[in-house]
Amino acid sequence: MIPGRILIPIVFLVLTSQKAVAACSFVDGHGLTTMQFEFPPTISVPRDAPNGTILYETPTKSLQGVNSSYKCPSGYSYGIKNSLGTTTSGNNLFPIGNTGIAWQWLRVEINRIARGYPNIDNGPSGIWGWNGSQHALRLVKIGDTQGDLKIPSGIFGYYYFDSITPVAMSVTSSTSVVVQSCDTTDVAVDMGKHKLSSFPEYGSQSTPVNFSIKVNNCPKGINKITYTLAPTPNSPAWNANLGIVNLNSTSTAKGLGLQILGDNQQPLELNKSYVLDESPAAGGNFSIPLTARYFRVLPTGNSGILDLGLNAGTANADVWFIMNYL
């Protein structure tokens, strides 16, 4: 007899367990509550306000007598979902389209700013309600705000707890965003005629010429105006600390530069921000008084005004004045 072989199949069983998914639900008879906030017809944004600047914040709204209670087992997620743009998990800034402005949901009574869904993945179990809670809506600058902008009315976002939304935040009417700036124009300064004998040695200066930069039609609400003097490609800096630029390429004079000073006759450093002395908050017209003079940049030689490299001729220079409205 030929011994037989018995094949006994061995079955490997992989046992898996699936964690129960937490699910939140409303208490019987409860549902969504929509809070309504009002914006003014227009909101002003200084043109150069830094990102993070708070543009507007509504009065606080307290919830009382609302039927939006819910119950959750442990392990649920919650947070805000933005109805006007993208939602980033854990982030508390919710972009309003591509306006350069975001909104925030303030939980005033607990001094917190609500974050994007899902913010927490292990929420505690219990029954929760909203009576006594306090809320406000804030607008924040987060990017470039150019042109005519409008923030729409309607739902801004929902507070999610898993798949349910006990509360929403809405605005009753749209608002226009006005980007604030003042009017300025190019300034041409007549430096007059000067004899070469006025520049016998290095550092010799011409008689100062006073001029001013006009800053007109400033709207109300600008907190601060700053200005910066910057060299141009045609008139690069010769000494930035002393506010001196080289003459431009159209000039025929040699050995001279142009120096810019404040009305106190102190040099204005190039590429440095200076603050307008007057407060622009009330709006109106302003003036920045300045002074300009020629400055001999050619080192002193043995021949005075006959030093090689010092020539009479036209002496023109260009300087940029950069205004910032904050």
C-alpha atoms as a PDB file:
ATOM      1  CA  MET A   1       0.000   0.000   0.000  1.00  0.00           C
ATOM      2  CA  ILE A   2       1.260   3.342  -0.912  1.00  0.00           C
ATOM      3  CA  PRO A   3       0.980   5.578   2.020  1.00  0.00           C
ATOM      4  CA  GLY A   4      -1.296   8.501   1.269  1.00  0.00           C
ATOM      5  CA  ARG A   5      -0.671  12.094   2.004  1.00  0.00           C
ATOM      6  CA  ILE A   6      -3.334  14.144   3.604  1.00  0.00           C
ATOM      7  CA  LEU A   7      -3.196  17.861   2.941  1.00  0.00           C
ATOM      8  CA  ILE A   8      -4.632  19.835   5.751  1.00  0.00           C
ATOM      9  CA  PRO A   9      -5.199  23.434   4.750  1.00  0.00           C
ATOM     10  CA  ILE A  10      -4.217  25.927   7.343  1.00  0.00           C
ATOM     11  CA  VAL A  11      -6.214  29.118   7.248  1.00  0.00           C
ATOM     12  CA  PHE A  12      -4.703  32.172   8.795  1.00  0.00           C
ATOM     13  CA  LEU A  13      -7.391  34.436  10.133  1.00  0.00           C
ATOM     14  CA  VAL A  14      -6.559  38.074  10.549  1.00  0.00           C
ATOM     15  CA  LEU A  15      -8.816  39.529  13.101  1.00  0.00           C
ATOM     16  CA  THR A  16      -9.293  43.252  12.986  1.00  0.00           C
ATOM     17  CA  SER A  17     -11.283  45.511  15.140  1.00  0.00           C
ATOM     18  CA  GLN A  18     -12.804  48.741  13.929  1.00  0.00           C
ATOM     19  CA  LYS A  19     -12.915  51.600  16.341  1.00  0.00           C
ATOM     20  CA  ALA A  20     -16.349  52.997  16.679  1.00  0.00           C
ATOM     21  CA  VAL A  21     -16.612  56.405  15.075  1.00  0.00           C
ATOM     22  CA  ALA A  22     -17.847  59.066  17.432  1.00  0.00           C
ATOM     23  CA  ALA A  23     -20.935  60.858  16.195  1.00  0.00           C
ATOM     24  CA  CYS A  24     -22.405  64.011  17.653  1.00  0.00           C
ATOM     25  CA  SER A  25     -26.135  64.724  17.496  1.00  0.00           C
ATOM     26  CA  PHE A  26     -28.546  67.425  18.550  1.00  0.00           C
ATOM     27  CA  VAL A  27     -30.570  67.172  21.712  1.00  0.00           C
ATOM     28  CA  ASP A  28     -34.198  66.471  20.760  1.00  0.00           C
ATOM     29  CA  GLY A  29     -35.906  69.600  19.496  1.00  0.00           C
ATOM     30  CA  HIS A  30     -32.652  71.545  19.039  1.00  0.00           C
ATOM     31  CA  GLY A  31     -30.888  72.696  15.874  1.00  0.00           C
ATOM     32  CA  LEU A  32     -28.926  75.454  14.181  1.00  0.00           C
ATOM     33  CA  THR A  33     -28.787  78.995  15.582  1.00  0.00           C
ATOM     34  CA  THR A  34     -27.538  81.721  13.245  1.00  0.00           C
ATOM     35  CA  MET A  35     -26.013  84.792  14.865  1.00  0.00           C
ATOM     36  CA  GLN A  36     -26.388  88.004  12.880  1.00  0.00           C
ATOM     37  CA  PHE A  37     -23.829  90.801  12.970  1.00  0.00           C
ATOM     38  CA  GLU A  38     -23.743  94.201  11.294  1.00  0.00           C
ATOM     39  CA  PHE A  39     -20.873  95.880   9.471  1.00  0.00           C
ATOM     40  CA  PRO A  40     -20.694  99.608   8.709  1.00  0.00           C
ATOM     41  CA  PRO A  41     -21.308 100.587   5.053  1.00  0.00           C
ATOM     42  CA  THR A  42     -17.583 101.194   4.525  1.00  0.00           C
ATOM     43  CA  ILE A  43     -14.411 100.006   6.243  1.00  0.00           C
ATOM     44  CA  SER A  44     -11.147 101.859   5.671  1.00  0.00           C
ATOM     45  CA  VAL A  45      -7.794 100.151   5.200  1.00  0.00           C
ATOM     46  CA  PRO A  46      -4.582 102.222   5.193  1.00  0.00           C
ATOM     47  CA  ARG A  47      -2.858 101.283   1.929  1.00  0.00           C
ATOM     48  CA  ASP A  48       0.358 100.044   3.517  1.00  0.00           C
ATOM     49  CA  ALA A  49      -1.039  98.633   6.761  1.00  0.00           C
ATOM     50  CA  PRO A  50       0.940  95.500   7.704  1.00  0.00           C
ATOM     51  CA  ASN A  51      -0.629  92.070   7.585  1.00  0.00           C
ATOM     52  CA  GLY A  52      -2.271  91.302  10.900  1.00  0.00           C
ATOM     53  CA  THR A  53      -3.797  94.780  11.231  1.00  0.00           C
ATOM     54  CA  ILE A  54      -7.282  94.590  12.768  1.00  0.00           C
ATOM     55  CA  LEU A  55      -9.667  96.463  10.469  1.00  0.00           C
ATOM     56  CA  TYR A  56     -12.938  96.073  12.333  1.00  0.00           C
ATOM     57  CA  GLU A  57     -14.491  94.174  15.208  1.00  0.00           C
ATOM     58  CA  THR A  58     -18.211  93.896  15.854  1.00  0.00           C
ATOM     59  CA  PRO A  59     -19.805  94.458  19.243  1.00  0.00           C
ATOM     60  CA  THR A  60     -20.028  91.285  21.321  1.00  0.00           C
ATOM     61  CA  LYS A  61     -23.202  89.239  20.982  1.00  0.00           C
ATOM     62  CA  SER A  62     -24.387  87.111  23.931  1.00  0.00           C
ATOM     63  CA  LEU A  63     -26.494  84.037  23.283  1.00  0.00           C
ATOM     64  CA  GLN A  64     -29.448  83.433  25.594  1.00  0.00           C
ATOM     65  CA  GLY A  65     -32.442  81.143  25.229  1.00  0.00           C
ATOM     66  CA  VAL A  66     -31.129  79.361  22.141  1.00  0.00           C
ATOM     67  CA  ASN A  67     -32.004  75.747  21.393  1.00  0.00           C
ATOM     68  CA  SER A  68     -28.743  74.503  19.903  1.00  0.00           C
ATOM     69  CA  SER A  69     -27.592  71.981  22.483  1.00  0.00           C
ATOM     70  CA  TYR A  70     -25.827  68.848  21.287  1.00  0.00           C
ATOM     71  CA  LYS A  71     -24.337  65.672  22.706  1.00  0.00           C
ATOM     72  CA  CYS A  72     -21.167  63.874  21.730  1.00  0.00           C
ATOM     73  CA  PRO A  73     -19.277  60.760  22.783  1.00  0.00           C
ATOM     74  CA  SER A  74     -15.555  61.241  23.219  1.00  0.00           C
ATOM     75  CA  GLY A  75     -13.212  61.390  20.251  1.00  0.00           C
ATOM     76  CA  TYR A  76     -14.996  63.856  17.953  1.00  0.00           C
ATOM     77  CA  SER A  77     -13.620  66.720  15.874  1.00  0.00           C
ATOM     78  CA  TYR A  78     -14.795  70.314  15.942  1.00  0.00           C
ATOM     79  CA  GLY A  79     -13.958  73.716  14.518  1.00  0.00           C
ATOM     80  CA  ILE A  80     -14.982  76.366  12.006  1.00  0.00           C
ATOM     81  CA  LYS A  81     -15.682  75.796   8.311  1.00  0.00           C
ATOM     82  CA  ASN A  82     -15.282  78.953   6.254  1.00  0.00           C
ATOM     83  CA  SER A  83     -18.120  79.717   3.825  1.00  0.00           C
ATOM     84  CA  LEU A  84     -16.241  82.522   2.025  1.00  0.00           C
ATOM     85  CA  GLY A  85     -12.980  80.795   1.166  1.00  0.00           C
ATOM     86  CA  THR A  86     -10.567  78.108   2.228  1.00  0.00           C
ATOM     87  CA  THR A  87     -10.464  76.476   5.652  1.00  0.00           C
ATOM     88  CA  THR A  88      -7.121  75.444   7.121  1.00  0.00           C
ATOM     89  CA  SER A  89      -7.244  72.993  10.000  1.00  0.00           C
ATOM     90  CA  GLY A  90      -6.185  74.659  13.238  1.00  0.00           C
ATOM     91  CA  ASN A  91      -5.851  78.141  11.690  1.00  0.00           C
ATOM     92  CA  ASN A  92      -7.918  80.995  13.118  1.00  0.00           C
ATOM     93  CA  LEU A  93      -7.842  83.221  10.004  1.00  0.00           C
ATOM     94  CA  PHE A  94     -10.521  82.552   7.396  1.00  0.00           C
ATOM     95  CA  PRO A  95      -9.868  84.267   4.043  1.00  0.00           C
ATOM     96  CA  ILE A  96     -12.662  86.210   2.355  1.00  0.00           C
ATOM     97  CA  GLY A  97     -12.023  85.175  -1.229  1.00  0.00           C
ATOM     98  CA  ASN A  98      -8.984  86.965  -2.654  1.00  0.00           C
ATOM     99  CA  THR A  99      -9.688  90.318  -0.986  1.00  0.00           C
ATOM    100  CA  GLY A 100      -6.589  90.224   1.218  1.00  0.00           C
ATOM    101  CA  ILE A 101      -8.902  90.240   4.247  1.00  0.00           C
ATOM    102  CA  ALA A 102      -9.810  87.399   6.605  1.00  0.00           C
ATOM    103  CA  TRP A 103     -12.402  87.043   9.320  1.00  0.00           C
ATOM    104  CA  GLN A 104     -12.128  85.561  12.802  1.00  0.00           C
ATOM    105  CA  TRP A 105     -14.681  84.022  15.142  1.00  0.00           C
ATOM    106  CA  LEU A 106     -14.034  85.363  18.636  1.00  0.00           C
ATOM    107  CA  ARG A 107     -15.159  83.332  21.649  1.00  0.00           C
ATOM    108  CA  VAL A 108     -15.204  86.319  23.965  1.00  0.00           C
ATOM    109  CA  GLU A 109     -16.278  84.648  27.206  1.00  0.00           C
ATOM    110  CA  ILE A 110     -13.331  82.234  27.108  1.00  0.00           C
ATOM    111  CA  ASN A 111     -10.910  84.677  25.476  1.00  0.00           C
ATOM    112  CA  ARG A 112     -10.201  82.457  22.487  1.00  0.00           C
ATOM    113  CA  ILE A 113     -10.293  82.642  18.717  1.00  0.00           C
ATOM    114  CA  ALA A 114     -12.020  79.649  17.156  1.00  0.00           C
ATOM    115  CA  ARG A 115      -9.878  77.592  14.783  1.00  0.00           C
ATOM    116  CA  GLY A 116     -10.493  75.813  11.505  1.00  0.00           C
ATOM    117  CA  TYR A 117     -12.107  72.374  11.338  1.00  0.00           C
ATOM    118  CA  PRO A 118     -10.892  69.898  12.391  1.00  0.00           C
ATOM    119  CA  ASN A 119      -9.217  71.616  15.307  1.00  0.00           C
ATOM    120  CA  ILE A 120      -9.483  68.880  17.948  1.00  0.00           C
ATOM    121  CA  ASP A 121      -9.716  65.170  17.168  1.00  0.00           C
ATOM    122  CA  ASN A 122     -10.489  64.004  20.679  1.00  0.00           C
ATOM    123  CA  GLY A 123     -13.223  66.223  22.048  1.00  0.00           C
ATOM    124  CA  PRO A 124     -14.596  65.303  25.492  1.00  0.00           C
ATOM    125  CA  SER A 125     -17.932  63.552  25.837  1.00  0.00           C
ATOM    126  CA  GLY A 126     -20.961  65.323  27.224  1.00  0.00           C
ATOM    127  CA  ILE A 127     -23.974  67.475  26.493  1.00  0.00           C
ATOM    128  CA  TRP A 128     -23.139  71.017  25.494  1.00  0.00           C
ATOM    129  CA  GLY A 129     -25.064  74.215  24.946  1.00  0.00           C
ATOM    130  CA  TRP A 130     -24.492  77.834  23.947  1.00  0.00           C
ATOM    131  CA  ASN A 131     -26.517  79.868  26.412  1.00  0.00           C
ATOM    132  CA  GLY A 132     -24.252  82.389  28.111  1.00  0.00           C
ATOM    133  CA  SER A 133     -21.612  82.203  25.391  1.00  0.00           C
ATOM    134  CA  GLN A 134     -20.323  85.449  23.855  1.00  0.00           C
ATOM    135  CA  HIS A 135     -19.194  85.954  20.281  1.00  0.00           C
ATOM    136  CA  ALA A 136     -17.784  88.658  18.013  1.00  0.00           C
ATOM    137  CA  LEU A 137     -16.616  88.851  14.408  1.00  0.00           C
ATOM    138  CA  ARG A 138     -13.302  90.464  13.513  1.00  0.00           C
ATOM    139  CA  LEU A 139     -11.791  91.489  10.165  1.00  0.00           C
ATOM    140  CA  VAL A 140      -8.010  91.252   9.716  1.00  0.00           C
ATOM    141  CA  LYS A 141      -5.726  92.276   6.850  1.00  0.00           C
ATOM    142  CA  ILE A 142      -3.787  89.264   5.546  1.00  0.00           C
ATOM    143  CA  GLY A 143      -2.585  90.391   2.103  1.00  0.00           C
ATOM    144  CA  ASP A 144      -2.682  93.024  -0.608  1.00  0.00           C
ATOM    145  CA  THR A 145      -5.897  95.053  -0.643  1.00  0.00           C
ATOM    146  CA  GLN A 146      -6.078  96.669  -4.065  1.00  0.00           C
ATOM    147  CA  GLY A 147      -8.918  98.371  -5.909  1.00  0.00           C
ATOM    148  CA  ASP A 148     -12.573  98.423  -4.948  1.00  0.00           C
ATOM    149  CA  LEU A 149     -13.349  95.588  -2.552  1.00  0.00           C
ATOM    150  CA  LYS A 150     -16.682  94.418  -1.231  1.00  0.00           C
ATOM    151  CA  ILE A 151     -17.340  92.020   1.616  1.00  0.00           C
ATOM    152  CA  PRO A 152     -20.612  90.171   1.025  1.00  0.00           C
ATOM    153  CA  SER A 153     -23.496  89.649   3.370  1.00  0.00           C
ATOM    154  CA  GLY A 154     -24.714  86.218   4.424  1.00  0.00           C
ATOM    155  CA  ILE A 155     -23.184  83.251   6.226  1.00  0.00           C
ATOM    156  CA  PHE A 156     -19.482  83.622   6.986  1.00  0.00           C
ATOM    157  CA  GLY A 157     -19.017  80.216   8.588  1.00  0.00           C
ATOM    158  CA  TYR A 158     -20.364  77.355  10.684  1.00  0.00           C
ATOM    159  CA  TYR A 159     -19.169  75.848  13.946  1.00  0.00           C
ATOM    160  CA  TYR A 160     -18.921  72.106  13.249  1.00  0.00           C
ATOM    161  CA  PHE A 161     -19.012  69.274  15.767  1.00  0.00           C
ATOM    162  CA  ASP A 162     -18.448  66.216  13.607  1.00  0.00           C
ATOM    163  CA  SER A 163     -21.242  66.588  11.039  1.00  0.00           C
ATOM    164  CA  ILE A 164     -23.623  68.856  12.955  1.00  0.00           C
ATOM    165  CA  THR A 165     -23.598  72.660  13.028  1.00  0.00           C
ATOM    166  CA  PRO A 166     -25.119  74.115  16.201  1.00  0.00           C
ATOM    167  CA  VAL A 167     -24.205  77.756  15.426  1.00  0.00           C
ATOM    168  CA  ALA A 168     -23.387  79.893  12.402  1.00  0.00           C
ATOM    169  CA  MET A 169     -22.098  83.429  12.026  1.00  0.00           C
ATOM    170  CA  SER A 170     -23.647  85.759   9.450  1.00  0.00           C
ATOM    171  CA  VAL A 171     -23.567  89.420   8.409  1.00  0.00           C
ATOM    172  CA  THR A 172     -26.771  91.254   7.543  1.00  0.00           C
ATOM    173  CA  SER A 173     -25.454  93.567   4.796  1.00  0.00           C
ATOM    174  CA  SER A 174     -22.437  93.900   2.523  1.00  0.00           C
ATOM    175  CA  THR A 175     -19.711  96.468   3.164  1.00  0.00           C
ATOM    176  CA  SER A 176     -17.248  98.275   0.910  1.00  0.00           C
ATOM    177  CA  VAL A 177     -13.545  98.340   1.723  1.00  0.00           C
ATOM    178  CA  VAL A 178     -11.820 101.651   1.001  1.00  0.00           C
ATOM    179  CA  VAL A 179      -8.041 101.548   0.578  1.00  0.00           C
ATOM    180  CA  GLN A 180      -6.713 104.784   2.061  1.00  0.00           C
ATOM    181  CA  SER A 181      -3.936 106.872   0.574  1.00  0.00           C
ATOM    182  CA  CYS A 182      -3.129 110.515  -0.102  1.00  0.00           C
ATOM    183  CA  ASP A 183      -2.374 112.404  -3.306  1.00  0.00           C
ATOM    184  CA  THR A 184       1.244 113.262  -4.100  1.00  0.00           C
ATOM    185  CA  THR A 185       2.865 114.611  -7.249  1.00  0.00           C
ATOM    186  CA  ASP A 186       6.375 114.711  -8.654  1.00  0.00           C
ATOM    187  CA  VAL A 187       8.464 117.645  -7.446  1.00  0.00           C
ATOM    188  CA  ALA A 188      11.029 119.473  -9.578  1.00  0.00           C
ATOM    189  CA  VAL A 189      13.461 121.577  -7.529  1.00  0.00           C
ATOM    190  CA  ASP A 190      15.272 124.465  -9.224  1.00  0.00           C
ATOM    191  CA  MET A 191      18.728 124.398  -7.662  1.00  0.00           C
ATOM    192  CA  GLY A 192      19.778 127.662  -9.311  1.00  0.00           C
ATOM    193  CA  LYS A 193      23.205 128.566 -10.671  1.00  0.00           C
ATOM    194  CA  HIS A 194      26.390 128.252  -8.642  1.00  0.00           C
ATOM    195  CA  LYS A 195      29.972 129.183  -9.360  1.00  0.00           C
ATOM    196  CA  LEU A 196      32.592 126.476  -9.373  1.00  0.00           C
ATOM    197  CA  SER A 197      34.516 128.618  -6.886  1.00  0.00           C
ATOM    198  CA  SER A 198      31.898 127.616  -4.297  1.00  0.00           C
ATOM    199  CA  PHE A 199      33.484 124.150  -4.187  1.00  0.00           C
ATOM    200  CA  PRO A 200      37.213 124.629  -3.448  1.00  0.00           C
ATOM    201  CA  GLU A 201      37.577 121.406  -1.418  1.00  0.00           C
ATOM    202  CA  TYR A 202      35.965 118.124  -0.526  1.00  0.00           C
ATOM    203  CA  GLY A 203      32.745 118.698   1.452  1.00  0.00           C
ATOM    204  CA  SER A 204      32.126 122.202   0.104  1.00  0.00           C
ATOM    205  CA  GLN A 205      28.401 122.910  -0.177  1.00  0.00           C
ATOM    206  CA  SER A 206      26.186 125.217  -2.156  1.00  0.00           C
ATOM    207  CA  THR A 207      23.570 127.491  -0.627  1.00  0.00           C
ATOM    208  CA  PRO A 208      20.630 125.271   0.467  1.00  0.00           C
ATOM    209  CA  VAL A 209      17.392 125.410  -1.504  1.00  0.00           C
ATOM    210  CA  ASN A 210      14.148 124.840   0.388  1.00  0.00           C
ATOM    211  CA  PHE A 211      11.347 122.765  -1.112  1.00  0.00           C
ATOM    212  CA  SER A 212       8.491 120.603   0.139  1.00  0.00           C
ATOM    213  CA  ILE A 213       6.599 117.449  -0.686  1.00  0.00           C
ATOM    214  CA  LYS A 214       2.844 118.029  -0.705  1.00  0.00           C
ATOM    215  CA  VAL A 215       0.665 115.273   0.715  1.00  0.00           C
ATOM    216  CA  ASN A 216      -2.915 116.207  -0.109  1.00  0.00           C
ATOM    217  CA  ASN A 217      -6.449 114.886   0.209  1.00  0.00           C
ATOM    218  CA  CYS A 218      -5.639 112.394   2.938  1.00  0.00           C
ATOM    219  CA  PRO A 219      -8.767 110.564   4.148  1.00  0.00           C
ATOM    220  CA  LYS A 220      -9.618 110.234   7.797  1.00  0.00           C
ATOM    221  CA  GLY A 221      -8.408 107.154   9.625  1.00  0.00           C
ATOM    222  CA  ILE A 222      -4.771 106.925   8.531  1.00  0.00           C
ATOM    223  CA  ASN A 223      -2.811 106.481  11.742  1.00  0.00           C
ATOM    224  CA  LYS A 224       0.658 107.293  10.477  1.00  0.00           C
ATOM    225  CA  ILE A 225       2.386 108.489   7.321  1.00  0.00           C
ATOM    226  CA  THR A 226       6.016 107.643   6.724  1.00  0.00           C
ATOM    227  CA  TYR A 227       8.298 108.651   3.890  1.00  0.00           C
ATOM    228  CA  THR A 228      11.591 107.296   2.612  1.00  0.00           C
ATOM    229  CA  LEU A 229      14.187 108.839   0.316  1.00  0.00           C
ATOM    230  CA  ALA A 230      15.681 106.286  -2.032  1.00  0.00           C
ATOM    231  CA  PRO A 231      18.356 106.566  -4.725  1.00  0.00           C
ATOM    232  CA  THR A 232      17.359 105.800  -8.303  1.00  0.00           C
ATOM    233  CA  PRO A 233      19.257 103.760 -10.902  1.00  0.00           C
ATOM    234  CA  ASN A 234      20.164 107.035 -12.637  1.00  0.00           C
ATOM    235  CA  SER A 235      21.362 108.647  -9.397  1.00  0.00           C
ATOM    236  CA  PRO A 236      22.825 105.910  -7.182  1.00  0.00           C
ATOM    237  CA  ALA A 237      23.786 106.650  -3.611  1.00  0.00           C
ATOM    238  CA  TRP A 238      27.203 108.188  -3.063  1.00  0.00           C
ATOM    239  CA  ASN A 239      26.861 108.205   0.737  1.00  0.00           C
ATOM    240  CA  ALA A 240      23.535 106.876   2.016  1.00  0.00           C
ATOM    241  CA  ASN A 241      24.179 107.934   5.616  1.00  0.00           C
ATOM    242  CA  LEU A 242      24.718 111.556   4.544  1.00  0.00           C
ATOM    243  CA  GLY A 243      21.783 111.566   2.126  1.00  0.00           C
ATOM    244  CA  ILE A 244      24.004 112.171  -0.922  1.00  0.00           C
ATOM    245  CA  VAL A 245      23.299 110.818  -4.407  1.00  0.00           C
ATOM    246  CA  ASN A 246      25.412 111.047  -7.532  1.00  0.00           C
ATOM    247  CA  LEU A 247      24.448 113.327 -10.391  1.00  0.00           C
ATOM    248  CA  ASN A 248      22.553 111.490 -13.118  1.00  0.00           C
ATOM    249  CA  SER A 249      23.871 110.541 -16.535  1.00  0.00           C
ATOM    250  CA  THR A 250      22.413 113.629 -18.237  1.00  0.00           C
ATOM    251  CA  SER A 251      24.639 115.917 -16.155  1.00  0.00           C
ATOM    252  CA  THR A 252      27.811 117.461 -17.559  1.00  0.00           C
ATOM    253  CA  ALA A 253      29.115 118.761 -14.215  1.00  0.00           C
ATOM    254  CA  LYS A 254      31.644 116.512 -12.466  1.00  0.00           C
ATOM    255  CA  GLY A 255      32.843 116.035  -8.912  1.00  0.00           C
ATOM    256  CA  LEU A 256      29.552 116.984  -7.253  1.00  0.00           C
ATOM    257  CA  GLY A 257      26.637 115.170  -5.661  1.00  0.00           C
ATOM    258  CA  LEU A 258      23.230 116.233  -4.378  1.00  0.00           C
ATOM    259  CA  GLN A 259      22.462 116.135  -0.661  1.00  0.00           C
ATOM    260  CA  ILE A 260      18.951 116.059   0.861  1.00  0.00           C
ATOM    261  CA  LEU A 261      18.361 117.475   4.340  1.00  0.00           C
ATOM    262  CA  GLY A 262      15.422 117.977   6.649  1.00  0.00           C
ATOM    263  CA  ASP A 263      14.141 121.416   7.575  1.00  0.00           C
ATOM    264  CA  ASN A 264      16.517 121.266  10.566  1.00  0.00           C
ATOM    265  CA  GLN A 265      19.425 121.201   8.105  1.00  0.00           C
ATOM    266  CA  GLN A 266      20.407 117.695   9.173  1.00  0.00           C
ATOM    267  CA  PRO A 267      21.077 115.121   6.414  1.00  0.00           C
ATOM    268  CA  LEU A 268      18.293 112.625   5.754  1.00  0.00           C
ATOM    269  CA  GLU A 269      19.631 109.100   5.521  1.00  0.00           C
ATOM    270  CA  LEU A 270      18.694 107.290   2.342  1.00  0.00           C
ATOM    271  CA  ASN A 271      16.477 104.195   2.538  1.00  0.00           C
ATOM    272  CA  LYS A 272      15.437 105.111   6.074  1.00  0.00           C
ATOM    273  CA  SER A 273      11.815 105.588   7.103  1.00  0.00           C
ATOM    274  CA  TYR A 274      10.828 108.957   8.589  1.00  0.00           C
ATOM    275  CA  VAL A 275       7.493 109.753  10.232  1.00  0.00           C
ATOM    276  CA  LEU A 276       5.403 112.754   9.231  1.00  0.00           C
ATOM    277  CA  ASP A 277       5.420 115.148  12.178  1.00  0.00           C
ATOM    278  CA  GLU A 278       1.719 115.951  11.952  1.00  0.00           C
ATOM    279  CA  SER A 279      -0.954 113.427  12.873  1.00  0.00           C
ATOM    280  CA  PRO A 280      -2.938 112.423   9.771  1.00  0.00           C
ATOM    281  CA  ALA A 281      -5.829 110.812  11.657  1.00  0.00           C
ATOM    282  CA  ALA A 282      -8.250 113.663  10.942  1.00  0.00           C
ATOM    283  CA  GLY A 283      -7.339 113.741   7.249  1.00  0.00           C
ATOM    284  CA  GLY A 284      -6.531 116.807   5.151  1.00  0.00           C
ATOM    285  CA  ASN A 285      -3.433 118.240   3.477  1.00  0.00           C
ATOM    286  CA  PHE A 286       0.126 118.087   4.763  1.00  0.00           C
ATOM    287  CA  SER A 287       3.565 119.252   3.736  1.00  0.00           C
ATOM    288  CA  ILE A 288       7.023 117.756   4.268  1.00  0.00           C
ATOM    289  CA  PRO A 289       9.622 120.564   4.329  1.00  0.00           C
ATOM    290  CA  LEU A 290      13.039 119.582   2.960  1.00  0.00           C
ATOM    291  CA  THR A 291      16.268 121.151   1.749  1.00  0.00           C
ATOM    292  CA  ALA A 292      18.677 120.268  -1.048  1.00  0.00           C
ATOM    293  CA  ARG A 293      22.230 121.405  -1.807  1.00  0.00           C
ATOM    294  CA  TYR A 294      25.195 120.426  -3.928  1.00  0.00           C
ATOM    295  CA  PHE A 295      28.071 118.727  -2.151  1.00  0.00           C
ATOM    296  CA  ARG A 296      31.604 118.337  -3.491  1.00  0.00           C
ATOM    297  CA  VAL A 297      32.376 114.625  -3.469  1.00  0.00           C
ATOM    298  CA  LEU A 298      35.724 114.897  -5.279  1.00  0.00           C
ATOM    299  CA  PRO A 299      38.672 114.610  -2.870  1.00  0.00           C
ATOM    300  CA  THR A 300      40.694 117.777  -2.378  1.00  0.00           C
ATOM    301  CA  GLY A 301      43.798 117.991  -4.550  1.00  0.00           C
ATOM    302  CA  ASN A 302      46.499 120.606  -4.927  1.00  0.00           C
ATOM    303  CA  SER A 303      44.652 122.827  -7.372  1.00  0.00           C
ATOM    304  CA  GLY A 304      41.403 123.732  -5.576  1.00  0.00           C
ATOM    305  CA  ILE A 305      38.673 124.368  -8.124  1.00  0.00           C
ATOM    306  CA  LEU A 306      41.106 123.334 -10.849  1.00  0.00           C
ATOM    307  CA  ASP A 307      41.458 119.826  -9.435  1.00  0.00           C
ATOM    308  CA  LEU A 308      41.206 117.215 -12.146  1.00  0.00           C
ATOM    309  CA  GLY A 309      37.680 115.773 -12.130  1.00  0.00           C
ATOM    310  CA  LEU A 310      35.869 118.945 -11.018  1.00  0.00           C
ATOM    311  CA  ASN A 311      33.961 120.439 -13.933  1.00  0.00           C
ATOM    312  CA  ALA A 312      31.195 122.997 -14.320  1.00  0.00           C
ATOM    313  CA  GLY A 313      28.037 122.138 -16.253  1.00  0.00           C
ATOM    314  CA  THR A 314      24.506 120.924 -15.744  1.00  0.00           C
ATOM    315  CA  ALA A 315      23.991 119.144 -12.434  1.00  0.00           C
ATOM    316  CA  ASN A 316      20.822 117.046 -12.243  1.00  0.00           C
ATOM    317  CA  ALA A 317      19.848 114.226  -9.896  1.00  0.00           C
ATOM    318  CA  ASP A 318      16.821 112.024  -9.201  1.00  0.00           C
ATOM    319  CA  VAL A 319      15.561 110.835  -5.838  1.00  0.00           C
ATOM    320  CA  TRP A 320      12.563 108.671  -5.120  1.00  0.00           C
ATOM    321  CA  PHE A 321      10.208 109.696  -2.314  1.00  0.00           C
ATOM    322  CA  ILE A 322       8.324 106.615  -1.142  1.00  0.00           C
ATOM    323  CA  MET A 323       5.179 107.225   0.907  1.00  0.00           C
ATOM    324  CA  ASN A 324       3.632 104.671   3.255  1.00  0.00           C
ATOM    325  CA  TYR A 325       0.200 104.968   4.848  1.00  0.00           C
ATOM    326  CA  LEU A 326      -0.321 102.957   8.028  1.00  0.00           C
END
